[in-house]
Amino acid sequence: MTTSCTITSPGKPPRQIRINSPTIRALNSFYSKGVSPDLSWDDEIYVRMRETEAGEVTADRDRPEDRHKALKQKTKLQQDTLEKVLRRLDDHEQRHDEEERRHRDTEQRLRDEEQRHREEEERRHRDAEQRLRDEEQRHREEEKRCREQQDTRIREQENRYGRERQQHIDTLKTTITGFQNDVVKMTLVEKYEVLDSSLRAYNDFIFNTARSGGLTVEEKYILRANGLPYILQLLDYEPQFDWDDPNITPVETVFRKRNGPRCRTYGTQLNIRDPIAPRPSGGCV
């Protein structure tokens, strides 16, 4: 069963179409509820269904062109629906791809940030190690420079002390040589005077040089053991002291008398403050 209806579209003239009985029953349900049967088949076409002017309903069969037209409309509706679904799927896939891309970009940024942090940390660590190595190198160079300067000062001091020591020794030898040939012509008083001046020079040389660190223990021993006896031998002098005489100062380091078992033994060096005059009574006590 079919009936006539008028299709009205915005901006287009009305058109007459025929619809089948299921649509009629649907329209009757709208009429019974007092609702205007305005149906939307798609987004642009609005269909208003109404009965014919006579109010009759024909019982003619559906014409082939009507069936073809309805099938075409149905096919178009299905195609439109399918296109909408496909568009929604495409949009969904596109949004999904975009989300995945943003996720990948975020992960890549995180990896890049971690890599930068690691590189920065490694760079700071390398810089700190390099600074430590440079500092250690500077310390080693400073220590080496200090040692070299100290060694240089020690060598210069040793050379200076060596020159001074040699100068004193040469002076002493010159003094001894100067009066060696004339000693036999000296009076006893002159011998005492020479002995006194020689011992004073010898004591000054020993004590001053020893205090300055210019003599080793062996050198001091050799000078004390050989220098003074050699002077006494040149002067042909055998000192004999009266130990009770208050004018004679205490002996710091004295020599051993070569003759006379009764004489005391005090060492090998005299400390004479004043010239000693010969005493006729002399002798050891």
Foldseek 3Di string as FASTA:
>chain_A
DKFWFWWDFVPDDIDIDIDDDVVVVVVVVCVVVVHQPWDDLDDTTITGGDGDPVNDDDPDDDDPVNVVVVVVSVVVSVVVVVVVVVVVVVVVVVVVVVVVVVVVVVVVVVVVVVVVVVVVVVVVVVVVVVVVVVVVVVVVVVVVVVVVVVVVVVVVLLVVLVVVLVVLVVVLVVLCVVCLVVLVVDDPLVLLVSLVVSQVSLVCSLVVSVVSVNDDPVRSVCCLVPVNVVSCVSNVDQAFDDVPDPQFDDFPAPADGPDDPQADGGHRGGDGDDRDDDDPVGHHD
